[in-house]
């Protein structure tokens, strides 16, 4: 098992430093995890996804309402948007088989 920890990107924002990290988890048979941290706080981890699953369910439920014609999901952190556009998060989606048919950046 070669990979233990790798910081894929770090950028300064008005709210503090934000980083995209990839690491292996020895207790999970070397499973590769992706994490986004803002300062010392975890914003998202591929290990814990329940909050994201529930948010996506709310969005999809809204689309069942005939009066809703479009649903736009907005990301406010420019580095996260950039990671989707130029690859690191797209790579993470591909490597973890979390590809979403709804995201043009995850294809």
C-alpha atoms as a PDB file:
ATOM      1  CA  UNK A   1       0.000   0.000   0.000  1.00  0.00           C
ATOM      2  CA  UNK A   2       1.898   3.041  -1.248  1.00  0.00           C
ATOM      3  CA  UNK A   3      -0.484   5.969  -0.788  1.00  0.00           C
ATOM      4  CA  UNK A   4      -1.045   7.159   2.757  1.00  0.00           C
ATOM      5  CA  UNK A   5      -1.734  10.882   2.282  1.00  0.00           C
ATOM      6  CA  UNK A   6      -1.596  13.360  -0.585  1.00  0.00           C
ATOM      7  CA  UNK A   7      -2.760  16.965  -0.712  1.00  0.00           C
ATOM      8  CA  UNK A   8      -4.052  17.398  -4.262  1.00  0.00           C
ATOM      9  CA  UNK A   9      -4.623  21.142  -3.972  1.00  0.00           C
ATOM     10  CA  UNK A  10      -4.680  23.974  -1.462  1.00  0.00           C
ATOM     11  CA  UNK A  11      -6.071  27.443  -2.039  1.00  0.00           C
ATOM     12  CA  UNK A  12      -6.668  30.466   0.155  1.00  0.00           C
ATOM     13  CA  UNK A  13     -10.227  31.770   0.410  1.00  0.00           C
ATOM     14  CA  UNK A  14     -11.829  34.605   2.405  1.00  0.00           C
ATOM     15  CA  UNK A  15     -12.995  31.909   4.871  1.00  0.00           C
ATOM     16  CA  UNK A  16      -9.525  30.351   5.230  1.00  0.00           C
ATOM     17  CA  UNK A  17      -7.478  27.726   3.450  1.00  0.00           C
ATOM     18  CA  UNK A  18      -9.356  24.993   1.596  1.00  0.00           C
ATOM     19  CA  UNK A  19      -7.699  21.735   0.635  1.00  0.00           C
ATOM     20  CA  UNK A  20      -8.509  18.677  -1.421  1.00  0.00           C
ATOM     21  CA  UNK A  21      -6.870  15.562  -0.006  1.00  0.00           C
ATOM     22  CA  UNK A  22      -6.589  11.930  -0.974  1.00  0.00           C
ATOM     23  CA  UNK A  23      -5.540   9.279   1.517  1.00  0.00           C
ATOM     24  CA  UNK A  24      -5.686   5.577   2.071  1.00  0.00           C
ATOM     25  CA  UNK A  25      -7.321   4.036   5.100  1.00  0.00           C
ATOM     26  CA  UNK A  26      -5.367   0.989   6.307  1.00  0.00           C
ATOM     27  CA  UNK A  27      -8.219  -0.156   8.573  1.00  0.00           C
ATOM     28  CA  UNK A  28     -10.464  -0.242   5.497  1.00  0.00           C
ATOM     29  CA  UNK A  29      -8.107  -2.450   3.476  1.00  0.00           C
ATOM     30  CA  UNK A  30      -6.359   0.556   1.942  1.00  0.00           C
ATOM     31  CA  UNK A  31      -9.562   2.140   0.569  1.00  0.00           C
ATOM     32  CA  UNK A  32      -8.832   5.508  -1.071  1.00  0.00           C
ATOM     33  CA  UNK A  33     -10.687   8.416   0.540  1.00  0.00           C
ATOM     34  CA  UNK A  34     -11.183  11.953  -0.726  1.00  0.00           C
ATOM     35  CA  UNK A  35     -11.691  14.857   1.653  1.00  0.00           C
ATOM     36  CA  UNK A  36     -12.284  18.585   1.390  1.00  0.00           C
ATOM     37  CA  UNK A  37     -11.233  20.613   4.417  1.00  0.00           C
ATOM     38  CA  UNK A  38     -11.758  24.284   5.171  1.00  0.00           C
ATOM     39  CA  UNK A  39      -9.163  25.154   7.783  1.00  0.00           C
ATOM     40  CA  UNK A  40      -9.374  22.355  10.340  1.00  0.00           C
ATOM     41  CA  UNK A  41     -13.004  21.476   9.495  1.00  0.00           C
ATOM     42  CA  UNK A  42     -14.051  18.674   7.162  1.00  0.00           C
ATOM     43  CA  UNK A  43     -16.553  19.874   4.561  1.00  0.00           C
ATOM     44  CA  UNK A  44     -16.940  16.521   2.836  1.00  0.00           C
ATOM     45  CA  UNK A  45     -15.453  13.052   2.896  1.00  0.00           C
ATOM     46  CA  UNK A  46     -16.021  10.119   0.586  1.00  0.00           C
ATOM     47  CA  UNK A  47     -16.110   7.966   3.730  1.00  0.00           C
ATOM     48  CA  UNK A  48     -19.131   9.735   5.237  1.00  0.00           C
ATOM     49  CA  UNK A  49     -21.714  10.580   2.568  1.00  0.00           C
ATOM     50  CA  UNK A  50     -25.097  10.455   4.337  1.00  0.00           C
ATOM     51  CA  UNK A  51     -25.588  14.254   4.409  1.00  0.00           C
ATOM     52  CA  UNK A  52     -24.921  14.508   0.663  1.00  0.00           C
ATOM     53  CA  UNK A  53     -27.267  11.603  -0.049  1.00  0.00           C
ATOM     54  CA  UNK A  54     -30.070  13.263   1.918  1.00  0.00           C
ATOM     55  CA  UNK A  55     -29.509  16.623   0.207  1.00  0.00           C
ATOM     56  CA  UNK A  56     -29.666  14.976  -3.205  1.00  0.00           C
ATOM     57  CA  UNK A  57     -32.901  13.206  -2.234  1.00  0.00           C
ATOM     58  CA  UNK A  58     -34.453  16.560  -1.297  1.00  0.00           C
ATOM     59  CA  UNK A  59     -33.437  18.008  -4.656  1.00  0.00           C
ATOM     60  CA  UNK A  60     -34.765  15.022  -6.584  1.00  0.00           C
ATOM     61  CA  UNK A  61     -38.028  15.122  -4.608  1.00  0.00           C
ATOM     62  CA  UNK A  62     -38.447  18.771  -5.620  1.00  0.00           C
ATOM     63  CA  UNK A  63     -38.206  17.724  -9.266  1.00  0.00           C
ATOM     64  CA  UNK A  64     -41.275  15.509  -8.803  1.00  0.00           C
ATOM     65  CA  UNK A  65     -43.374  18.655  -8.317  1.00  0.00           C
ATOM     66  CA  UNK A  66     -44.818  19.507 -11.762  1.00  0.00           C
ATOM     67  CA  UNK A  67     -44.389  23.226 -11.084  1.00  0.00           C
ATOM     68  CA  UNK A  68     -40.618  22.780 -10.756  1.00  0.00           C
ATOM     69  CA  UNK A  69     -39.051  22.886 -14.207  1.00  0.00           C
ATOM     70  CA  UNK A  70     -35.404  23.324 -13.257  1.00  0.00           C
ATOM     71  CA  UNK A  71     -33.258  22.673 -10.226  1.00  0.00           C
ATOM     72  CA  UNK A  72     -29.912  24.421  -9.955  1.00  0.00           C
ATOM     73  CA  UNK A  73     -27.316  23.321  -7.423  1.00  0.00           C
ATOM     74  CA  UNK A  74     -24.870  26.061  -6.538  1.00  0.00           C
ATOM     75  CA  UNK A  75     -21.407  25.630  -5.075  1.00  0.00           C
ATOM     76  CA  UNK A  76     -20.115  28.803  -3.444  1.00  0.00           C
ATOM     77  CA  UNK A  77     -16.465  27.832  -2.985  1.00  0.00           C
ATOM     78  CA  UNK A  78     -14.552  28.754  -6.145  1.00  0.00           C
ATOM     79  CA  UNK A  79     -11.807  26.158  -5.528  1.00  0.00           C
ATOM     80  CA  UNK A  80     -14.392  23.350  -5.414  1.00  0.00           C
ATOM     81  CA  UNK A  81     -15.895  24.549  -8.689  1.00  0.00           C
ATOM     82  CA  UNK A  82     -12.391  24.661 -10.172  1.00  0.00           C
ATOM     83  CA  UNK A  83     -11.638  21.109  -8.945  1.00  0.00           C
ATOM     84  CA  UNK A  84     -14.738  19.865 -10.754  1.00  0.00           C
ATOM     85  CA  UNK A  85     -13.800  21.698 -13.934  1.00  0.00           C
ATOM     86  CA  UNK A  86     -10.141  20.771 -14.159  1.00  0.00           C
ATOM     87  CA  UNK A  87     -10.183  17.275 -12.832  1.00  0.00           C
ATOM     88  CA  UNK A  88      -9.296  16.391  -9.249  1.00  0.00           C
ATOM     89  CA  UNK A  89     -12.889  15.880  -8.145  1.00  0.00           C
ATOM     90  CA  UNK A  90     -13.815  14.384 -11.500  1.00  0.00           C
ATOM     91  CA  UNK A  91     -10.946  11.954 -10.981  1.00  0.00           C
ATOM     92  CA  UNK A  92     -12.202  11.194  -7.473  1.00  0.00           C
ATOM     93  CA  UNK A  93     -15.658  10.410  -8.846  1.00  0.00           C
ATOM     94  CA  UNK A  94     -14.211   8.052 -11.439  1.00  0.00           C
ATOM     95  CA  UNK A  95     -11.858   6.289  -9.017  1.00  0.00           C
ATOM     96  CA  UNK A  96     -14.535   5.694  -6.393  1.00  0.00           C
ATOM     97  CA  UNK A  97     -17.327   4.817  -8.860  1.00  0.00           C
ATOM     98  CA  UNK A  98     -19.443   7.657  -7.494  1.00  0.00           C
ATOM     99  CA  UNK A  99     -20.083   9.063 -10.929  1.00  0.00           C
ATOM    100  CA  UNK A 100     -23.292  11.051 -11.091  1.00  0.00           C
ATOM    101  CA  UNK A 101     -25.317  11.138 -14.312  1.00  0.00           C
ATOM    102  CA  UNK A 102     -26.590  14.565 -13.233  1.00  0.00           C
ATOM    103  CA  UNK A 103     -23.216  16.324 -13.094  1.00  0.00           C
ATOM    104  CA  UNK A 104     -21.516  17.417 -16.314  1.00  0.00           C
ATOM    105  CA  UNK A 105     -18.219  17.648 -14.381  1.00  0.00           C
ATOM    106  CA  UNK A 106     -18.367  14.082 -13.025  1.00  0.00           C
ATOM    107  CA  UNK A 107     -18.567  12.407 -16.433  1.00  0.00           C
END
